[in-house]
Amino acid sequence: MGSSGVHESGNFSVFMAGALLGAGVALLLAPQSGSQMRGLLRDYAARAKDEFDEAVDRGSEVWDRATERGEEFVEKGKESLRESARQAKGFAEAGRTAVNDTKDELASQQR
């Protein structure tokens, strides 16, 4: 998710908070009977809880994706190190072989 997604998500959260706050104030100021007011407040609280749960779920999904990408990055780094070690070992063996070949060649020339 890019920075625009974070920005849009923040704007949405601010909008929802404002909408819920406005609805709550409107409920408190509207002339209602006690039982109607309690029912409206229950509905309002349930909607607020649902919005909060949805926001938590979205946050968890973002965290999980970030964690997965971090693990992939670490694993790629480990594989790169292993590959570098294999290459270094190959170079060392090739160097040893070249030195031994050179020694053998020099020894045969001196005979």
PDB file of N, CA and C in Angstrom:
ATOM      1  N   MET A   1       0.836  -1.157   0.000  1.00  0.00           N
ATOM      2  CA  MET A   1       0.000   0.000   0.000  1.00  0.00           C
ATOM      3  C   MET A   1       0.890   1.231   0.000  1.00  0.00           C
ATOM      4  N   GLY A   2       0.678   2.155  -0.927  1.00  0.00           N
ATOM      5  CA  GLY A   2       1.510   3.345  -1.021  1.00  0.00           C
ATOM      6  C   GLY A   2       1.088   4.400  -0.034  1.00  0.00           C
ATOM      7  N   SER A   3       1.768   5.525  -0.089  1.00  0.00           N
ATOM      8  CA  SER A   3       1.457   6.592   0.850  1.00  0.00           C
ATOM      9  C   SER A   3       0.081   7.173   0.591  1.00  0.00           C
ATOM     10  N   SER A   4      -0.413   7.125  -0.660  1.00  0.00           N
ATOM     11  CA  SER A   4      -1.737   7.650  -0.937  1.00  0.00           C
ATOM     12  C   SER A   4      -2.799   6.801  -0.244  1.00  0.00           C
ATOM     13  N   GLY A   5      -2.576   5.475  -0.142  1.00  0.00           N
ATOM     14  CA  GLY A   5      -3.523   4.610   0.551  1.00  0.00           C
ATOM     15  C   GLY A   5      -3.596   4.944   2.024  1.00  0.00           C
ATOM     16  N   VAL A   6      -2.450   5.224   2.620  1.00  0.00           N
ATOM     17  CA  VAL A   6      -2.420   5.607   4.032  1.00  0.00           C
ATOM     18  C   VAL A   6      -3.135   6.935   4.211  1.00  0.00           C
ATOM     19  N   HIS A   7      -2.899   7.884   3.296  1.00  0.00           N
ATOM     20  CA  HIS A   7      -3.521   9.200   3.377  1.00  0.00           C
ATOM     21  C   HIS A   7      -5.037   9.074   3.242  1.00  0.00           C
ATOM     22  N   GLU A   8      -5.492   8.264   2.262  1.00  0.00           N
ATOM     23  CA  GLU A   8      -6.926   8.078   2.061  1.00  0.00           C
ATOM     24  C   GLU A   8      -7.547   7.392   3.264  1.00  0.00           C
ATOM     25  N   SER A   9      -6.862   6.409   3.826  1.00  0.00           N
ATOM     26  CA  SER A   9      -7.366   5.710   5.000  1.00  0.00           C
ATOM     27  C   SER A   9      -7.500   6.673   6.174  1.00  0.00           C
ATOM     28  N   GLY A  10      -6.525   7.571   6.330  1.00  0.00           N
ATOM     29  CA  GLY A  10      -6.587   8.573   7.398  1.00  0.00           C
ATOM     30  C   GLY A  10      -7.753   9.519   7.197  1.00  0.00           C
ATOM     31  N   ASN A  11      -7.973   9.949   5.954  1.00  0.00           N
ATOM     32  CA  ASN A  11      -9.105  10.827   5.661  1.00  0.00           C
ATOM     33  C   ASN A  11     -10.417  10.124   5.946  1.00  0.00           C
ATOM     34  N   PHE A  12     -10.502   8.833   5.587  1.00  0.00           N
ATOM     35  CA  PHE A  12     -11.719   8.070   5.830  1.00  0.00           C
ATOM     36  C   PHE A  12     -11.979   7.961   7.335  1.00  0.00           C
ATOM     37  N   SER A  13     -10.919   7.690   8.106  1.00  0.00           N
ATOM     38  CA  SER A  13     -11.068   7.570   9.564  1.00  0.00           C
ATOM     39  C   SER A  13     -11.549   8.881  10.168  1.00  0.00           C
ATOM     40  N   VAL A  14     -10.980   9.999   9.706  1.00  0.00           N
ATOM     41  CA  VAL A  14     -11.404  11.307  10.217  1.00  0.00           C
ATOM     42  C   VAL A  14     -12.863  11.555   9.845  1.00  0.00           C
ATOM     43  N   PHE A  15     -13.235  11.227   8.604  1.00  0.00           N
ATOM     44  CA  PHE A  15     -14.616  11.403   8.158  1.00  0.00           C
ATOM     45  C   PHE A  15     -15.565  10.580   9.028  1.00  0.00           C
ATOM     46  N   MET A  16     -15.206   9.292   9.248  1.00  0.00           N
ATOM     47  CA  MET A  16     -16.081   8.411  10.045  1.00  0.00           C
ATOM     48  C   MET A  16     -16.191   8.903  11.481  1.00  0.00           C
ATOM     49  N   ALA A  17     -15.082   9.336  12.055  1.00  0.00           N
ATOM     50  CA  ALA A  17     -15.129   9.840  13.431  1.00  0.00           C
ATOM     51  C   ALA A  17     -16.041  11.060  13.504  1.00  0.00           C
ATOM     52  N   GLY A  18     -15.915  11.959  12.533  1.00  0.00           N
ATOM     53  CA  GLY A  18     -16.772  13.152  12.501  1.00  0.00           C
ATOM     54  C   GLY A  18     -18.230  12.791  12.312  1.00  0.00           C
ATOM     55  N   ALA A  19     -18.494  11.829  11.416  1.00  0.00           N
ATOM     56  CA  ALA A  19     -19.874  11.416  11.165  1.00  0.00           C
ATOM     57  C   ALA A  19     -20.494  10.787  12.412  1.00  0.00           C
ATOM     58  N   LEU A  20     -19.732   9.936  13.076  1.00  0.00           N
ATOM     59  CA  LEU A  20     -20.244   9.283  14.285  1.00  0.00           C
ATOM     60  C   LEU A  20     -20.460  10.301  15.411  1.00  0.00           C
ATOM     61  N   LEU A  21     -19.539  11.228  15.548  1.00  0.00           N
ATOM     62  CA  LEU A  21     -19.683  12.257  16.572  1.00  0.00           C
ATOM     63  C   LEU A  21     -20.898  13.123  16.281  1.00  0.00           C
ATOM     64  N   GLY A  22     -21.059  13.511  15.021  1.00  0.00           N
ATOM     65  CA  GLY A  22     -22.223  14.317  14.633  1.00  0.00           C
ATOM     66  C   GLY A  22     -23.518  13.580  14.878  1.00  0.00           C
ATOM     67  N   ALA A  23     -23.547  12.285  14.558  1.00  0.00           N
ATOM     68  CA  ALA A  23     -24.754  11.494  14.787  1.00  0.00           C
ATOM     69  C   ALA A  23     -25.060  11.400  16.276  1.00  0.00           C
ATOM     70  N   GLY A  24     -24.028  11.243  17.081  1.00  0.00           N
ATOM     71  CA  GLY A  24     -24.231  11.161  18.530  1.00  0.00           C
ATOM     72  C   GLY A  24     -24.793  12.451  19.090  1.00  0.00           C
ATOM     73  N   VAL A  25     -24.263  13.591  18.647  1.00  0.00           N
ATOM     74  CA  VAL A  25     -24.769  14.890  19.114  1.00  0.00           C
ATOM     75  C   VAL A  25     -26.218  15.064  18.669  1.00  0.00           C
ATOM     76  N   ALA A  26     -26.514  14.710  17.413  1.00  0.00           N
ATOM     77  CA  ALA A  26     -27.883  14.837  16.911  1.00  0.00           C
ATOM     78  C   ALA A  26     -28.837  13.979  17.729  1.00  0.00           C
ATOM     79  N   LEU A  27     -28.419  12.772  18.095  1.00  0.00           N
ATOM     80  CA  LEU A  27     -29.262  11.901  18.914  1.00  0.00           C
ATOM     81  C   LEU A  27     -29.543  12.519  20.274  1.00  0.00           C
ATOM     82  N   LEU A  28     -28.518  13.115  20.859  1.00  0.00           N
ATOM     83  CA  LEU A  28     -28.680  13.693  22.196  1.00  0.00           C
ATOM     84  C   LEU A  28     -29.569  14.924  22.175  1.00  0.00           C
ATOM     85  N   LEU A  29     -29.561  15.680  21.092  1.00  0.00           N
ATOM     86  CA  LEU A  29     -30.332  16.917  21.026  1.00  0.00           C
ATOM     87  C   LEU A  29     -31.756  16.713  20.509  1.00  0.00           C
ATOM     88  N   ALA A  30     -31.998  15.586  19.846  1.00  0.00           N
ATOM     89  CA  ALA A  30     -33.328  15.347  19.272  1.00  0.00           C
ATOM     90  C   ALA A  30     -34.315  14.961  20.366  1.00  0.00           C
ATOM     91  N   PRO A  31     -35.557  15.460  20.262  1.00  0.00           N
ATOM     92  CA  PRO A  31     -36.575  15.081  21.257  1.00  0.00           C
ATOM     93  C   PRO A  31     -37.037  13.633  21.022  1.00  0.00           C
ATOM     94  N   GLN A  32     -36.702  12.744  21.933  1.00  0.00           N
ATOM     95  CA  GLN A  32     -37.064  11.319  21.820  1.00  0.00           C
ATOM     96  C   GLN A  32     -37.540  10.851  23.190  1.00  0.00           C
ATOM     97  N   SER A  33     -38.306   9.770  23.166  1.00  0.00           N
ATOM     98  CA  SER A  33     -38.671   9.163  24.437  1.00  0.00           C
ATOM     99  C   SER A  33     -37.454   8.415  24.965  1.00  0.00           C
ATOM    100  N   GLY A  34     -37.459   8.065  26.221  1.00  0.00           N
ATOM    101  CA  GLY A  34     -36.328   7.367  26.833  1.00  0.00           C
ATOM    102  C   GLY A  34     -36.011   6.052  26.142  1.00  0.00           C
ATOM    103  N   SER A  35     -37.037   5.259  25.840  1.00  0.00           N
ATOM    104  CA  SER A  35     -36.780   3.955  25.217  1.00  0.00           C
ATOM    105  C   SER A  35     -36.290   4.135  23.780  1.00  0.00           C
ATOM    106  N   GLN A  36     -36.823   5.116  23.071  1.00  0.00           N
ATOM    107  CA  GLN A  36     -36.338   5.384  21.716  1.00  0.00           C
ATOM    108  C   GLN A  36     -34.880   5.822  21.756  1.00  0.00           C
ATOM    109  N   MET A  37     -34.562   6.697  22.700  1.00  0.00           N
ATOM    110  CA  MET A  37     -33.190   7.207  22.829  1.00  0.00           C
ATOM    111  C   MET A  37     -32.232   6.061  23.127  1.00  0.00           C
ATOM    112  N   ARG A  38     -32.624   5.148  24.039  1.00  0.00           N
ATOM    113  CA  ARG A  38     -31.757   4.011  24.368  1.00  0.00           C
ATOM    114  C   ARG A  38     -31.559   3.118  23.143  1.00  0.00           C
ATOM    115  N   GLY A  39     -32.610   2.898  22.381  1.00  0.00           N
ATOM    116  CA  GLY A  39     -32.501   2.080  21.176  1.00  0.00           C
ATOM    117  C   GLY A  39     -31.578   2.726  20.153  1.00  0.00           C
ATOM    118  N   LEU A  40     -31.735   4.048  19.978  1.00  0.00           N
ATOM    119  CA  LEU A  40     -30.880   4.756  19.028  1.00  0.00           C
ATOM    120  C   LEU A  40     -29.425   4.733  19.481  1.00  0.00           C
ATOM    121  N   LEU A  41     -29.211   4.922  20.775  1.00  0.00           N
ATOM    122  CA  LEU A  41     -27.839   4.893  21.296  1.00  0.00           C
ATOM    123  C   LEU A  41     -27.223   3.501  21.151  1.00  0.00           C
ATOM    124  N   ARG A  42     -28.044   2.442  21.357  1.00  0.00           N
ATOM    125  CA  ARG A  42     -27.545   1.076  21.169  1.00  0.00           C
ATOM    126  C   ARG A  42     -27.127   0.868  19.712  1.00  0.00           C
ATOM    127  N   ASP A  43     -27.978   1.325  18.784  1.00  0.00           N
ATOM    128  CA  ASP A  43     -27.655   1.196  17.359  1.00  0.00           C
ATOM    129  C   ASP A  43     -26.386   1.977  17.020  1.00  0.00           C
ATOM    130  N   TYR A  44     -26.314   3.177  17.569  1.00  0.00           N
ATOM    131  CA  TYR A  44     -25.146   4.037  17.334  1.00  0.00           C
ATOM    132  C   TYR A  44     -23.877   3.360  17.847  1.00  0.00           C
ATOM    133  N   ALA A  45     -23.954   2.796  19.048  1.00  0.00           N
ATOM    134  CA  ALA A  45     -22.792   2.121  19.637  1.00  0.00           C
ATOM    135  C   ALA A  45     -22.412   0.888  18.817  1.00  0.00           C
ATOM    136  N   ALA A  46     -23.409   0.149  18.337  1.00  0.00           N
ATOM    137  CA  ALA A  46     -23.128  -1.049  17.536  1.00  0.00           C
ATOM    138  C   ALA A  46     -22.440  -0.655  16.230  1.00  0.00           C
ATOM    139  N   ARG A  47     -22.912   0.420  15.579  1.00  0.00           N
ATOM    140  CA  ARG A  47     -22.271   0.874  14.339  1.00  0.00           C
ATOM    141  C   ARG A  47     -20.843   1.328  14.610  1.00  0.00           C
ATOM    142  N   ALA A  48     -20.654   2.048  15.709  1.00  0.00           N
ATOM    143  CA  ALA A  48     -19.307   2.519  16.051  1.00  0.00           C
ATOM    144  C   ALA A  48     -18.379   1.331  16.300  1.00  0.00           C
ATOM    145  N   LYS A  49     -18.882   0.304  17.001  1.00  0.00           N
ATOM    146  CA  LYS A  49     -18.070  -0.887  17.269  1.00  0.00           C
ATOM    147  C   LYS A  49     -17.727  -1.595  15.965  1.00  0.00           C
ATOM    148  N   ASP A  50     -18.711  -1.717  15.056  1.00  0.00           N
ATOM    149  CA  ASP A  50     -18.454  -2.369  13.774  1.00  0.00           C
ATOM    150  C   ASP A  50     -17.380  -1.618  12.986  1.00  0.00           C
ATOM    151  N   GLU A  51     -17.462  -0.295  12.982  1.00  0.00           N
ATOM    152  CA  GLU A  51     -16.461   0.519  12.273  1.00  0.00           C
ATOM    153  C   GLU A  51     -15.081   0.324  12.896  1.00  0.00           C
ATOM    154  N   PHE A  52     -15.039   0.305  14.216  1.00  0.00           N
ATOM    155  CA  PHE A  52     -13.770   0.119  14.915  1.00  0.00           C
ATOM    156  C   PHE A  52     -13.188  -1.260  14.600  1.00  0.00           C
ATOM    157  N   ASP A  53     -14.028  -2.301  14.654  1.00  0.00           N
ATOM    158  CA  ASP A  53     -13.566  -3.667  14.357  1.00  0.00           C
ATOM    159  C   ASP A  53     -13.028  -3.749  12.933  1.00  0.00           C
ATOM    160  N   GLU A  54     -13.730  -3.093  12.001  1.00  0.00           N
ATOM    161  CA  GLU A  54     -13.284  -3.106  10.602  1.00  0.00           C
ATOM    162  C   GLU A  54     -11.935  -2.405  10.467  1.00  0.00           C
ATOM    163  N   ALA A  55     -11.765  -1.282  11.166  1.00  0.00           N
ATOM    164  CA  ALA A  55     -10.485  -0.566  11.110  1.00  0.00           C
ATOM    165  C   ALA A  55      -9.359  -1.421  11.696  1.00  0.00           C
ATOM    166  N   VAL A  56      -9.641  -2.127  12.786  1.00  0.00           N
ATOM    167  CA  VAL A  56      -8.638  -3.012  13.395  1.00  0.00           C
ATOM    168  C   VAL A  56      -8.273  -4.131  12.430  1.00  0.00           C
ATOM    169  N   ASP A  57      -9.284  -4.707  11.763  1.00  0.00           N
ATOM    170  CA  ASP A  57      -9.017  -5.774  10.792  1.00  0.00           C
ATOM    171  C   ASP A  57      -8.132  -5.264   9.657  1.00  0.00           C
ATOM    172  N   ARG A  58      -8.446  -4.056   9.147  1.00  0.00           N
ATOM    173  CA  ARG A  58      -7.626  -3.490   8.062  1.00  0.00           C
ATOM    174  C   ARG A  58      -6.199  -3.270   8.554  1.00  0.00           C
ATOM    175  N   GLY A  59      -6.059  -2.763   9.769  1.00  0.00           N
ATOM    176  CA  GLY A  59      -4.722  -2.547  10.327  1.00  0.00           C
ATOM    177  C   GLY A  59      -3.965  -3.855  10.481  1.00  0.00           C
ATOM    178  N   SER A  60      -4.659  -4.908  10.897  1.00  0.00           N
ATOM    179  CA  SER A  60      -4.024  -6.220  11.045  1.00  0.00           C
ATOM    180  C   SER A  60      -3.567  -6.754   9.698  1.00  0.00           C
ATOM    181  N   GLU A  61      -4.385  -6.569   8.658  1.00  0.00           N
ATOM    182  CA  GLU A  61      -4.012  -7.035   7.323  1.00  0.00           C
ATOM    183  C   GLU A  61      -2.755  -6.309   6.835  1.00  0.00           C
ATOM    184  N   VAL A  62      -2.723  -4.997   7.052  1.00  0.00           N
ATOM    185  CA  VAL A  62      -1.556  -4.214   6.636  1.00  0.00           C
ATOM    186  C   VAL A  62      -0.317  -4.696   7.383  1.00  0.00           C
ATOM    187  N   TRP A  63      -0.434  -4.917   8.683  1.00  0.00           N
ATOM    188  CA  TRP A  63       0.683  -5.398   9.492  1.00  0.00           C
ATOM    189  C   TRP A  63       1.159  -6.760   9.000  1.00  0.00           C
ATOM    190  N   ASP A  64       0.203  -7.659   8.718  1.00  0.00           N
ATOM    191  CA  ASP A  64       0.574  -8.996   8.251  1.00  0.00           C
ATOM    192  C   ASP A  64       1.328  -8.924   6.924  1.00  0.00           C
ATOM    193  N   ARG A  65       0.842  -8.089   5.995  1.00  0.00           N
ATOM    194  CA  ARG A  65       1.523  -7.957   4.701  1.00  0.00           C
ATOM    195  C   ARG A  65       2.927  -7.388   4.893  1.00  0.00           C
ATOM    196  N   ALA A  66       3.069  -6.394   5.759  1.00  0.00           N
ATOM    197  CA  ALA A  66       4.382  -5.797   6.006  1.00  0.00           C
ATOM    198  C   ALA A  66       5.331  -6.831   6.622  1.00  0.00           C
ATOM    199  N   THR A  67       4.813  -7.637   7.540  1.00  0.00           N
ATOM    200  CA  THR A  67       5.626  -8.671   8.178  1.00  0.00           C
ATOM    201  C   THR A  67       6.071  -9.709   7.155  1.00  0.00           C
ATOM    202  N   GLU A  68       5.139 -10.119   6.275  1.00  0.00           N
ATOM    203  CA  GLU A  68       5.499 -11.092   5.244  1.00  0.00           C
ATOM    204  C   GLU A  68       6.584 -10.534   4.331  1.00  0.00           C
ATOM    205  N   ARG A  69       6.446  -9.266   3.935  1.00  0.00           N
ATOM    206  CA  ARG A  69       7.459  -8.669   3.061  1.00  0.00           C
ATOM    207  C   ARG A  69       8.800  -8.589   3.789  1.00  0.00           C
ATOM    208  N   GLY A  70       8.780  -8.282   5.068  1.00  0.00           N
ATOM    209  CA  GLY A  70      10.023  -8.237   5.840  1.00  0.00           C
ATOM    210  C   GLY A  70      10.691  -9.595   5.899  1.00  0.00           C
ATOM    211  N   GLU A  71       9.888 -10.645   6.111  1.00  0.00           N
ATOM    212  CA  GLU A  71      10.445 -11.997   6.161  1.00  0.00           C
ATOM    213  C   GLU A  71      11.020 -12.391   4.802  1.00  0.00           C
ATOM    214  N   GLU A  72      10.318 -12.027   3.720  1.00  0.00           N
ATOM    215  CA  GLU A  72      10.830 -12.323   2.377  1.00  0.00           C
ATOM    216  C   GLU A  72      12.159 -11.608   2.150  1.00  0.00           C
ATOM    217  N   PHE A  73      12.245 -10.358   2.584  1.00  0.00           N
ATOM    218  CA  PHE A  73      13.472  -9.583   2.422  1.00  0.00           C
ATOM    219  C   PHE A  73      14.621 -10.236   3.163  1.00  0.00           C
ATOM    220  N   VAL A  74      14.381 -10.662   4.398  1.00  0.00           N
ATOM    221  CA  VAL A  74      15.420 -11.318   5.198  1.00  0.00           C
ATOM    222  C   VAL A  74      15.849 -12.625   4.531  1.00  0.00           C
ATOM    223  N   GLU A  75      14.873 -13.388   4.044  1.00  0.00           N
ATOM    224  CA  GLU A  75      15.204 -14.664   3.399  1.00  0.00           C
ATOM    225  C   GLU A  75      16.016 -14.439   2.128  1.00  0.00           C
ATOM    226  N   LYS A  76      15.660 -13.417   1.348  1.00  0.00           N
ATOM    227  CA  LYS A  76      16.435 -13.104   0.142  1.00  0.00           C
ATOM    228  C   LYS A  76      17.857 -12.688   0.516  1.00  0.00           C
ATOM    229  N   GLY A  77      17.993 -11.941   1.600  1.00  0.00           N
ATOM    230  CA  GLY A  77      19.323 -11.537   2.062  1.00  0.00           C
ATOM    231  C   GLY A  77      20.155 -12.739   2.476  1.00  0.00           C
ATOM    232  N   LYS A  78      19.535 -13.678   3.179  1.00  0.00           N
ATOM    233  CA  LYS A  78      20.259 -14.890   3.584  1.00  0.00           C
ATOM    234  C   LYS A  78      20.696 -15.684   2.359  1.00  0.00           C
ATOM    235  N   GLU A  79      19.802 -15.806   1.375  1.00  0.00           N
ATOM    236  CA  GLU A  79      20.142 -16.565   0.158  1.00  0.00           C
ATOM    237  C   GLU A  79      21.283 -15.875  -0.589  1.00  0.00           C
ATOM    238  N   SER A  80      21.268 -14.535  -0.632  1.00  0.00           N
ATOM    239  CA  SER A  80      22.359 -13.803  -1.292  1.00  0.00           C
ATOM    240  C   SER A  80      23.680 -14.069  -0.583  1.00  0.00           C
ATOM    241  N   LEU A  81      23.671 -14.090   0.744  1.00  0.00           N
ATOM    242  CA  LEU A  81      24.896 -14.387   1.494  1.00  0.00           C
ATOM    243  C   LEU A  81      25.380 -15.805   1.218  1.00  0.00           C
ATOM    244  N   ARG A  82      24.436 -16.767   1.179  1.00  0.00           N
ATOM    245  CA  ARG A  82      24.830 -18.151   0.892  1.00  0.00           C
ATOM    246  C   ARG A  82      25.435 -18.242  -0.508  1.00  0.00           C
ATOM    247  N   GLU A  83      24.819 -17.565  -1.470  1.00  0.00           N
ATOM    248  CA  GLU A  83      25.337 -17.590  -2.850  1.00  0.00           C
ATOM    249  C   GLU A  83      26.729 -16.958  -2.906  1.00  0.00           C
ATOM    250  N   SER A  84      26.922 -15.840  -2.191  1.00  0.00           N
ATOM    251  CA  SER A  84      28.241 -15.195  -2.158  1.00  0.00           C
ATOM    252  C   SER A  84      29.280 -16.129  -1.551  1.00  0.00           C
ATOM    253  N   ALA A  85      28.901 -16.846  -0.499  1.00  0.00           N
ATOM    254  CA  ALA A  85      29.833 -17.788   0.133  1.00  0.00           C
ATOM    255  C   ALA A  85      30.190 -18.909  -0.832  1.00  0.00           C
ATOM    256  N   ARG A  86      29.189 -19.422  -1.578  1.00  0.00           N
ATOM    257  CA  ARG A  86      29.472 -20.480  -2.562  1.00  0.00           C
ATOM    258  C   ARG A  86      30.426 -19.976  -3.638  1.00  0.00           C
ATOM    259  N   GLN A  87      30.200 -18.747  -4.100  1.00  0.00           N
ATOM    260  CA  GLN A  87      31.073 -18.181  -5.132  1.00  0.00           C
ATOM    261  C   GLN A  87      32.496 -17.994  -4.592  1.00  0.00           C
ATOM    262  N   ALA A  88      32.603 -17.486  -3.366  1.00  0.00           N
ATOM    263  CA  ALA A  88      33.926 -17.283  -2.770  1.00  0.00           C
ATOM    264  C   ALA A  88      34.654 -18.613  -2.625  1.00  0.00           C
ATOM    265  N   LYS A  89      33.922 -19.648  -2.217  1.00  0.00           N
ATOM    266  CA  LYS A  89      34.535 -20.972  -2.083  1.00  0.00           C
ATOM    267  C   LYS A  89      35.002 -21.474  -3.447  1.00  0.00           C
ATOM    268  N   GLY A  90      34.177 -21.244  -4.475  1.00  0.00           N
ATOM    269  CA  GLY A  90      34.561 -21.653  -5.832  1.00  0.00           C
ATOM    270  C   GLY A  90      35.803 -20.922  -6.307  1.00  0.00           C
ATOM    271  N   PHE A  91      35.875 -19.611  -6.034  1.00  0.00           N
ATOM    272  CA  PHE A  91      37.060 -18.831  -6.423  1.00  0.00           C
ATOM    273  C   PHE A  91      38.294 -19.342  -5.694  1.00  0.00           C
ATOM    274  N   ALA A  92      38.147 -19.636  -4.391  1.00  0.00           N
ATOM    275  CA  ALA A  92      39.289 -20.129  -3.606  1.00  0.00           C
ATOM    276  C   ALA A  92      39.782 -21.465  -4.163  1.00  0.00           C
ATOM    277  N   GLU A  93      38.852 -22.354  -4.499  1.00  0.00           N
ATOM    278  CA  GLU A  93      39.247 -23.655  -5.048  1.00  0.00           C
ATOM    279  C   GLU A  93      39.924 -23.489  -6.408  1.00  0.00           C
ATOM    280  N   ALA A  94      39.370 -22.580  -7.229  1.00  0.00           N
ATOM    281  CA  ALA A  94      39.981 -22.331  -8.547  1.00  0.00           C
ATOM    282  C   ALA A  94      41.388 -21.759  -8.375  1.00  0.00           C
ATOM    283  N   GLY A  95      41.556 -20.872  -7.392  1.00  0.00           N
ATOM    284  CA  GLY A  95      42.880 -20.289  -7.123  1.00  0.00           C
ATOM    285  C   GLY A  95      43.865 -21.343  -6.672  1.00  0.00           C
ATOM    286  N   ARG A  96      43.446 -22.244  -5.784  1.00  0.00           N
ATOM    287  CA  ARG A  96      44.313 -23.326  -5.312  1.00  0.00           C
ATOM    288  C   ARG A  96      44.721 -24.243  -6.459  1.00  0.00           C
ATOM    289  N   THR A  97      43.740 -24.542  -7.299  1.00  0.00           N
ATOM    290  CA  THR A  97      44.033 -25.399  -8.459  1.00  0.00           C
ATOM    291  C   THR A  97      45.057 -24.730  -9.369  1.00  0.00           C
ATOM    292  N   ALA A  98      44.879 -23.417  -9.599  1.00  0.00           N
ATOM    293  CA  ALA A  98      45.810 -22.692 -10.469  1.00  0.00           C
ATOM    294  C   ALA A  98      47.206 -22.674  -9.860  1.00  0.00           C
ATOM    295  N   VAL A  99      47.299 -22.463  -8.554  1.00  0.00           N
ATOM    296  CA  VAL A  99      48.612 -22.455  -7.883  1.00  0.00           C
ATOM    297  C   VAL A  99      49.253 -23.834  -7.999  1.00  0.00           C
ATOM    298  N   ASN A 100      48.486 -24.888  -7.743  1.00  0.00           N
ATOM    299  CA  ASN A 100      49.040 -26.251  -7.833  1.00  0.00           C
ATOM    300  C   ASN A 100      49.477 -26.569  -9.253  1.00  0.00           C
ATOM    301  N   ASP A 101      48.662 -26.160 -10.233  1.00  0.00           N
ATOM    302  CA  ASP A 101      49.030 -26.396 -11.637  1.00  0.00           C
ATOM    303  C   ASP A 101      50.332 -25.663 -11.979  1.00  0.00           C
ATOM    304  N   THR A 102      50.438 -24.433 -11.481  1.00  0.00           N
ATOM    305  CA  THR A 102      51.649 -23.654 -11.748  1.00  0.00           C
ATOM    306  C   THR A 102      52.863 -24.315 -11.103  1.00  0.00           C
ATOM    307  N   LYS A 103      52.722 -24.800  -9.866  1.00  0.00           N
ATOM    308  CA  LYS A 103      53.825 -25.496  -9.175  1.00  0.00           C
ATOM    309  C   LYS A 103      54.242 -26.729  -9.970  1.00  0.00           C
ATOM    310  N   ASP A 104      53.238 -27.521 -10.404  1.00  0.00           N
ATOM    311  CA  ASP A 104      53.526 -28.737 -11.169  1.00  0.00           C
ATOM    312  C   ASP A 104      54.255 -28.399 -12.469  1.00  0.00           C
ATOM    313  N   GLU A 105      53.805 -27.340 -13.116  1.00  0.00           N
ATOM    314  CA  GLU A 105      54.415 -26.934 -14.374  1.00  0.00           C
ATOM    315  C   GLU A 105      55.864 -26.489 -14.167  1.00  0.00           C
ATOM    316  N   LEU A 106      56.085 -25.704 -13.107  1.00  0.00           N
ATOM    317  CA  LEU A 106      57.442 -25.237 -12.809  1.00  0.00           C
ATOM    318  C   LEU A 106      58.348 -26.445 -12.446  1.00  0.00           C
ATOM    319  N   ALA A 107      57.810 -27.389 -11.678  1.00  0.00           N
ATOM    320  CA  ALA A 107      58.583 -28.561 -11.281  1.00  0.00           C
ATOM    321  C   ALA A 107      58.959 -29.385 -12.501  1.00  0.00           C
ATOM    322  N   SER A 108      58.040 -29.533 -13.441  1.00  0.00           N
ATOM    323  CA  SER A 108      58.335 -30.336 -14.624  1.00  0.00           C
ATOM    324  C   SER A 108      59.343 -29.625 -15.531  1.00  0.00           C
ATOM    325  N   GLN A 109      59.357 -28.298 -15.527  1.00  0.00           N
ATOM    326  CA  GLN A 109      60.310 -27.532 -16.346  1.00  0.00           C
ATOM    327  C   GLN A 109      61.719 -27.638 -15.758  1.00  0.00           C
ATOM    328  N   GLN A 110      61.821 -27.784 -14.425  1.00  0.00           N
ATOM    329  CA  GLN A 110      63.121 -27.833 -13.781  1.00  0.00           C
ATOM    330  C   GLN A 110      63.769 -29.207 -13.932  1.00  0.00           C
ATOM    331  N   ARG A 111      63.047 -30.210 -14.318  1.00  0.00           N
ATOM    332  CA  ARG A 111      63.604 -31.569 -14.435  1.00  0.00           C
ATOM    333  C   ARG A 111      64.470 -31.718 -15.606  1.00  0.00           C
TER     334      ARG A 111
END
